Amino acid sequence: RLGVPVAERWLERRRPTGTQTRLGSA
């Protein structure tokens, strides 16, 4: 839609964080 390329390998998640659905901001 935007004509902007994707850089899929610029970030990595180095540790699992689990679901955050029930967590507050802090």
PDB file of all heavy atoms in Angstrom:
ATOM      1  N   ARG A   1       0.819  -1.219   0.000  1.00  0.00           N
ATOM      2  CA  ARG A   1       0.000   0.000   0.000  1.00  0.00           C
ATOM      3  C   ARG A   1       0.853   1.270   0.000  1.00  0.00           C
ATOM      4  O   ARG A   1       0.492   2.264  -0.639  1.00  0.00           O
ATOM      5  CB  ARG A   1      -0.921   0.019   1.221  1.00  0.00           C
ATOM      6  CG  ARG A   1      -2.144  -0.874   1.067  1.00  0.00           C
ATOM      7  CD  ARG A   1      -3.077  -0.722   2.241  1.00  0.00           C
ATOM      8  NE  ARG A   1      -4.328  -1.408   1.971  1.00  0.00           N
ATOM      9  CZ  ARG A   1      -5.406  -0.847   1.442  1.00  0.00           C
ATOM     10  NH1 ARG A   1      -5.380   0.438   1.131  1.00  0.00           N
ATOM     11  NH2 ARG A   1      -6.503  -1.542   1.230  1.00  0.00           N
ATOM     12  N   LEU A   2       1.945   1.259   0.756  1.00  0.00           N
ATOM     13  CA  LEU A   2       2.727   2.478   0.960  1.00  0.00           C
ATOM     14  C   LEU A   2       3.922   2.596   0.027  1.00  0.00           C
ATOM     15  O   LEU A   2       4.524   3.668  -0.074  1.00  0.00           O
ATOM     16  CB  LEU A   2       3.220   2.531   2.416  1.00  0.00           C
ATOM     17  CG  LEU A   2       2.140   2.516   3.501  1.00  0.00           C
ATOM     18  CD1 LEU A   2       2.784   2.433   4.885  1.00  0.00           C
ATOM     19  CD2 LEU A   2       1.254   3.750   3.396  1.00  0.00           C
ATOM     20  N   GLY A   3       4.293   1.501  -0.628  1.00  0.00           N
ATOM     21  CA  GLY A   3       5.468   1.537  -1.485  1.00  0.00           C
ATOM     22  C   GLY A   3       6.755   1.690  -0.715  1.00  0.00           C
ATOM     23  O   GLY A   3       7.730   2.278  -1.207  1.00  0.00           O
ATOM     24  N   VAL A   4       6.777   1.159   0.514  1.00  0.00           N
ATOM     25  CA  VAL A   4       7.954   1.229   1.379  1.00  0.00           C
ATOM     26  C   VAL A   4       8.479  -0.193   1.583  1.00  0.00           C
ATOM     27  O   VAL A   4       7.703  -1.097   1.875  1.00  0.00           O
ATOM     28  CB  VAL A   4       7.592   1.868   2.743  1.00  0.00           C
ATOM     29  CG1 VAL A   4       8.795   1.886   3.678  1.00  0.00           C
ATOM     30  CG2 VAL A   4       7.069   3.286   2.530  1.00  0.00           C
ATOM     31  N   PRO A   5       9.792  -0.416   1.438  1.00  0.00           N
ATOM     32  CA  PRO A   5      10.316  -1.774   1.566  1.00  0.00           C
ATOM     33  C   PRO A   5      10.294  -2.284   3.003  1.00  0.00           C
ATOM     34  O   PRO A   5      10.274  -1.505   3.961  1.00  0.00           O
ATOM     35  CB  PRO A   5      11.755  -1.653   1.048  1.00  0.00           C
ATOM     36  CG  PRO A   5      12.118  -0.217   1.267  1.00  0.00           C
ATOM     37  CD  PRO A   5      10.845   0.559   1.063  1.00  0.00           C
ATOM     38  N   VAL A   6      10.325  -3.600   3.126  1.00  0.00           N
ATOM     39  CA  VAL A   6      10.332  -4.263   4.430  1.00  0.00           C
ATOM     40  C   VAL A   6      11.754  -4.706   4.764  1.00  0.00           C
ATOM     41  O   VAL A   6      12.443  -5.293   3.917  1.00  0.00           O
ATOM     42  CB  VAL A   6       9.390  -5.482   4.433  1.00  0.00           C
ATOM     43  CG1 VAL A   6       9.441  -6.192   5.791  1.00  0.00           C
ATOM     44  CG2 VAL A   6       7.966  -5.067   4.103  1.00  0.00           C
ATOM     45  N   ALA A   7      12.197  -4.426   5.988  1.00  0.00           N
ATOM     46  CA  ALA A   7      13.499  -4.884   6.482  1.00  0.00           C
ATOM     47  C   ALA A   7      13.215  -5.820   7.659  1.00  0.00           C
ATOM     48  O   ALA A   7      13.198  -5.400   8.818  1.00  0.00           O
ATOM     49  CB  ALA A   7      14.369  -3.711   6.898  1.00  0.00           C
ATOM     50  N   GLU A   8      12.983  -7.089   7.330  1.00  0.00           N
ATOM     51  CA  GLU A   8      12.482  -8.024   8.344  1.00  0.00           C
ATOM     52  C   GLU A   8      13.550  -8.454   9.342  1.00  0.00           C
ATOM     53  O   GLU A   8      13.224  -8.909  10.433  1.00  0.00           O
ATOM     54  CB  GLU A   8      11.893  -9.250   7.642  1.00  0.00           C
ATOM     55  CG  GLU A   8      11.027 -10.114   8.542  1.00  0.00           C
ATOM     56  CD  GLU A   8      10.238 -11.148   7.768  1.00  0.00           C
ATOM     57  OE1 GLU A   8      10.067 -10.983   6.534  1.00  0.00           O
ATOM     58  OE2 GLU A   8       9.789 -12.114   8.385  1.00  0.00           O
ATOM     59  N   ARG A   9      14.839  -8.299   8.996  1.00  0.00           N
ATOM     60  CA  ARG A   9      15.902  -8.819   9.861  1.00  0.00           C
ATOM     61  C   ARG A   9      16.689  -7.706  10.548  1.00  0.00           C
ATOM     62  O   ARG A   9      17.841  -7.904  10.909  1.00  0.00           O
ATOM     63  CB  ARG A   9      16.826  -9.724   9.059  1.00  0.00           C
ATOM     64  CG  ARG A   9      16.121 -10.985   8.541  1.00  0.00           C
ATOM     65  CD  ARG A   9      17.085 -11.936   7.844  1.00  0.00           C
ATOM     66  NE  ARG A   9      17.653 -11.323   6.659  1.00  0.00           N
ATOM     67  CZ  ARG A   9      18.951 -11.337   6.337  1.00  0.00           C
ATOM     68  NH1 ARG A   9      19.819 -11.908   7.148  1.00  0.00           N
ATOM     69  NH2 ARG A   9      19.379 -10.773   5.226  1.00  0.00           N
ATOM     70  N   TRP A  10      16.039  -6.565  10.751  1.00  0.00           N
ATOM     71  CA  TRP A  10      16.726  -5.467  11.431  1.00  0.00           C
ATOM     72  C   TRP A  10      16.602  -5.559  12.945  1.00  0.00           C
ATOM     73  O   TRP A  10      17.339  -4.899  13.666  1.00  0.00           O
ATOM     74  CB  TRP A  10      16.178  -4.127  10.938  1.00  0.00           C
ATOM     75  CG  TRP A  10      16.781  -3.707   9.627  1.00  0.00           C
ATOM     76  CD1 TRP A  10      17.283  -4.519   8.653  1.00  0.00           C
ATOM     77  CD2 TRP A  10      16.943  -2.366   9.159  1.00  0.00           C
ATOM     78  NE1 TRP A  10      17.738  -3.775   7.603  1.00  0.00           N
ATOM     79  CE2 TRP A  10      17.550  -2.458   7.868  1.00  0.00           C
ATOM     80  CE3 TRP A  10      16.623  -1.119   9.667  1.00  0.00           C
ATOM     81  CZ2 TRP A  10      17.849  -1.324   7.117  1.00  0.00           C
ATOM     82  CZ3 TRP A  10      16.911   0.007   8.908  1.00  0.00           C
ATOM     83  CH2 TRP A  10      17.522  -0.090   7.646  1.00  0.00           C
ATOM     84  N   LEU A  11      15.656  -6.329  13.423  1.00  0.00           N
ATOM     85  CA  LEU A  11      15.471  -6.522  14.862  1.00  0.00           C
ATOM     86  C   LEU A  11      15.337  -8.007  15.155  1.00  0.00           C
ATOM     87  O   LEU A  11      14.828  -8.772  14.338  1.00  0.00           O
ATOM     88  CB  LEU A  11      14.210  -5.808  15.358  1.00  0.00           C
ATOM     89  CG  LEU A  11      14.282  -4.333  15.732  1.00  0.00           C
ATOM     90  CD1 LEU A  11      12.884  -3.846  16.133  1.00  0.00           C
ATOM     91  CD2 LEU A  11      15.263  -4.080  16.866  1.00  0.00           C
ATOM     92  N   GLU A  12      15.765  -8.406  16.350  1.00  0.00           N
ATOM     93  CA  GLU A  12      15.588  -9.776  16.821  1.00  0.00           C
ATOM     94  C   GLU A  12      15.018  -9.745  18.232  1.00  0.00           C
ATOM     95  O   GLU A  12      15.269  -8.812  18.993  1.00  0.00           O
ATOM     96  CB  GLU A  12      16.927 -10.523  16.832  1.00  0.00           C
ATOM     97  CG  GLU A  12      17.547 -10.696  15.463  1.00  0.00           C
ATOM     98  CD  GLU A  12      18.897 -11.386  15.518  1.00  0.00           C
ATOM     99  OE1 GLU A  12      19.386 -11.649  16.653  1.00  0.00           O
ATOM    100  OE2 GLU A  12      19.474 -11.657  14.442  1.00  0.00           O
ATOM    101  N   ARG A  13      14.219 -10.756  18.546  1.00  0.00           N
ATOM    102  CA  ARG A  13      13.730 -10.909  19.929  1.00  0.00           C
ATOM    103  C   ARG A  13      14.589 -11.984  20.575  1.00  0.00           C
ATOM    104  O   ARG A  13      14.523 -13.150  20.202  1.00  0.00           O
ATOM    105  CB  ARG A  13      12.254 -11.302  19.958  1.00  0.00           C
ATOM    106  CG  ARG A  13      11.649 -11.198  21.375  1.00  0.00           C
ATOM    107  CD  ARG A  13      10.203 -11.658  21.397  1.00  0.00           C
ATOM    108  NE  ARG A  13       9.322 -10.751  20.692  1.00  0.00           N
ATOM    109  CZ  ARG A  13       8.422  -9.958  21.286  1.00  0.00           C
ATOM    110  NH1 ARG A  13       8.317  -9.959  22.599  1.00  0.00           N
ATOM    111  NH2 ARG A  13       7.638  -9.186  20.573  1.00  0.00           N
ATOM    112  N   ARG A  14      15.422 -11.583  21.526  1.00  0.00           N
ATOM    113  CA  ARG A  14      16.420 -12.511  22.041  1.00  0.00           C
ATOM    114  C   ARG A  14      15.966 -13.310  23.250  1.00  0.00           C
ATOM    115  O   ARG A  14      16.649 -14.236  23.677  1.00  0.00           O
ATOM    116  CB  ARG A  14      17.710 -11.773  22.367  1.00  0.00           C
ATOM    117  CG  ARG A  14      17.597 -10.687  23.422  1.00  0.00           C
ATOM    118  CD  ARG A  14      18.922  -9.937  23.506  1.00  0.00           C
ATOM    119  NE  ARG A  14      18.908  -8.915  24.533  1.00  0.00           N
ATOM    120  CZ  ARG A  14      19.911  -8.054  24.710  1.00  0.00           C
ATOM    121  NH1 ARG A  14      20.958  -8.098  23.927  1.00  0.00           N
ATOM    122  NH2 ARG A  14      19.842  -7.139  25.667  1.00  0.00           N
ATOM    123  N   ARG A  15      14.838 -12.941  23.815  1.00  0.00           N
ATOM    124  CA  ARG A  15      14.304 -13.782  24.888  1.00  0.00           C
ATOM    125  C   ARG A  15      12.784 -13.779  24.817  1.00  0.00           C
ATOM    126  O   ARG A  15      12.170 -12.772  24.455  1.00  0.00           O
ATOM    127  CB  ARG A  15      14.776 -13.322  26.274  1.00  0.00           C
ATOM    128  CG  ARG A  15      14.240 -12.002  26.748  1.00  0.00           C
ATOM    129  CD  ARG A  15      14.726 -11.724  28.175  1.00  0.00           C
ATOM    130  NE  ARG A  15      14.181 -10.483  28.693  1.00  0.00           N
ATOM    131  CZ  ARG A  15      12.969 -10.378  29.246  1.00  0.00           C
ATOM    132  NH1 ARG A  15      12.188 -11.426  29.338  1.00  0.00           N
ATOM    133  NH2 ARG A  15      12.549  -9.213  29.707  1.00  0.00           N
ATOM    134  N   PRO A  16      12.155 -14.923  25.129  1.00  0.00           N
ATOM    135  CA  PRO A  16      10.689 -14.986  25.076  1.00  0.00           C
ATOM    136  C   PRO A  16      10.080 -14.149  26.191  1.00  0.00           C
ATOM    137  O   PRO A  16      10.603 -14.105  27.309  1.00  0.00           O
ATOM    138  CB  PRO A  16      10.391 -16.483  25.271  1.00  0.00           C
ATOM    139  CG  PRO A  16      11.591 -17.006  25.997  1.00  0.00           C
ATOM    140  CD  PRO A  16      12.760 -16.190  25.534  1.00  0.00           C
ATOM    141  N   THR A  17       8.989 -13.481  25.891  1.00  0.00           N
ATOM    142  CA  THR A  17       8.335 -12.637  26.903  1.00  0.00           C
ATOM    143  C   THR A  17       6.948 -13.145  27.271  1.00  0.00           C
ATOM    144  O   THR A  17       6.327 -12.608  28.180  1.00  0.00           O
ATOM    145  CB  THR A  17       8.218 -11.192  26.383  1.00  0.00           C
ATOM    146  OG1 THR A  17       7.577 -11.195  25.100  1.00  0.00           O
ATOM    147  CG2 THR A  17       9.594 -10.577  26.243  1.00  0.00           C
ATOM    148  N   GLY A  18       6.460 -14.173  26.569  1.00  0.00           N
ATOM    149  CA  GLY A  18       5.133 -14.687  26.888  1.00  0.00           C
ATOM    150  C   GLY A  18       4.060 -13.687  26.508  1.00  0.00           C
ATOM    151  O   GLY A  18       4.323 -12.589  26.017  1.00  0.00           O
ATOM    152  N   THR A  19       2.818 -14.054  26.765  1.00  0.00           N
ATOM    153  CA  THR A  19       1.717 -13.150  26.456  1.00  0.00           C
ATOM    154  C   THR A  19       1.697 -11.980  27.430  1.00  0.00           C
ATOM    155  O   THR A  19       1.988 -12.136  28.623  1.00  0.00           O
ATOM    156  CB  THR A  19       0.371 -13.886  26.508  1.00  0.00           C
ATOM    157  OG1 THR A  19      -0.679 -12.947  26.185  1.00  0.00           O
ATOM    158  CG2 THR A  19       0.096 -14.470  27.878  1.00  0.00           C
ATOM    159  N   GLN A  20       1.367 -10.798  26.912  1.00  0.00           N
ATOM    160  CA  GLN A  20       1.314  -9.594  27.752  1.00  0.00           C
ATOM    161  C   GLN A  20      -0.109  -9.094  27.925  1.00  0.00           C
ATOM    162  O   GLN A  20      -0.315  -8.004  28.453  1.00  0.00           O
ATOM    163  CB  GLN A  20       2.182  -8.503  27.129  1.00  0.00           C
ATOM    164  CG  GLN A  20       3.642  -8.911  26.971  1.00  0.00           C
ATOM    165  CD  GLN A  20       4.546  -7.716  27.040  1.00  0.00           C
ATOM    166  OE1 GLN A  20       5.371  -7.609  27.947  1.00  0.00           O
ATOM    167  NE2 GLN A  20       4.397  -6.801  26.110  1.00  0.00           N
ATOM    168  N   THR A  21      -1.063  -9.883  27.511  1.00  0.00           N
ATOM    169  CA  THR A  21      -2.455  -9.442  27.472  1.00  0.00           C
ATOM    170  C   THR A  21      -2.940  -8.956  28.829  1.00  0.00           C
ATOM    171  O   THR A  21      -3.665  -7.964  28.927  1.00  0.00           O
ATOM    172  CB  THR A  21      -3.364 -10.587  26.977  1.00  0.00           C
ATOM    173  OG1 THR A  21      -2.866 -11.050  25.719  1.00  0.00           O
ATOM    174  CG2 THR A  21      -4.790 -10.109  26.825  1.00  0.00           C
ATOM    175  N   ARG A  22      -2.547  -9.655  29.884  1.00  0.00           N
ATOM    176  CA  ARG A  22      -3.068  -9.331  31.221  1.00  0.00           C
ATOM    177  C   ARG A  22      -2.114  -8.467  32.053  1.00  0.00           C
ATOM    178  O   ARG A  22      -2.343  -8.257  33.235  1.00  0.00           O
ATOM    179  CB  ARG A  22      -3.390 -10.628  31.971  1.00  0.00           C
ATOM    180  CG  ARG A  22      -4.499 -11.444  31.334  1.00  0.00           C
ATOM    181  CD  ARG A  22      -4.758 -12.732  32.116  1.00  0.00           C
ATOM    182  NE  ARG A  22      -5.877 -13.472  31.556  1.00  0.00           N
ATOM    183  CZ  ARG A  22      -5.783 -14.318  30.526  1.00  0.00           C
ATOM    184  NH1 ARG A  22      -4.593 -14.524  29.958  1.00  0.00           N
ATOM    185  NH2 ARG A  22      -6.838 -14.955  30.070  1.00  0.00           N
ATOM    186  N   LEU A  23      -1.037  -7.970  31.442  1.00  0.00           N
ATOM    187  CA  LEU A  23      -0.066  -7.173  32.180  1.00  0.00           C
ATOM    188  C   LEU A  23      -0.370  -5.683  32.045  1.00  0.00           C
ATOM    189  O   LEU A  23      -0.781  -5.220  30.982  1.00  0.00           O
ATOM    190  CB  LEU A  23       1.350  -7.451  31.666  1.00  0.00           C
ATOM    191  CG  LEU A  23       1.876  -8.876  31.802  1.00  0.00           C
ATOM    192  CD1 LEU A  23       3.295  -8.964  31.253  1.00  0.00           C
ATOM    193  CD2 LEU A  23       1.829  -9.350  33.247  1.00  0.00           C
ATOM    194  N   GLY A  24      -0.131  -4.950  33.120  1.00  0.00           N
ATOM    195  CA  GLY A  24      -0.255  -3.508  33.081  1.00  0.00           C
ATOM    196  C   GLY A  24       0.975  -2.878  32.466  1.00  0.00           C
ATOM    197  O   GLY A  24       1.938  -3.557  32.090  1.00  0.00           O
ATOM    198  N   SER A  25       0.968  -1.545  32.389  1.00  0.00           N
ATOM    199  CA  SER A  25       2.042  -0.828  31.710  1.00  0.00           C
ATOM    200  C   SER A  25       3.406  -1.092  32.343  1.00  0.00           C
ATOM    201  O   SER A  25       4.375  -1.391  31.638  1.00  0.00           O
ATOM    202  CB  SER A  25       1.735   0.674  31.727  1.00  0.00           C
ATOM    203  OG  SER A  25       2.758   1.400  31.099  1.00  0.00           O
ATOM    204  N   ALA A  26       3.498  -0.978  33.676  1.00  0.00           N
ATOM    205  CA  ALA A  26       4.788  -1.170  34.348  1.00  0.00           C
ATOM    206  C   ALA A  26       5.285  -2.598  34.187  1.00  0.00           C
ATOM    207  O   ALA A  26       6.479  -2.834  33.939  1.00  0.00           O
ATOM    208  CB  ALA A  26       4.666  -0.810  35.829  1.00  0.00           C
TER     209      ALA A  26
END
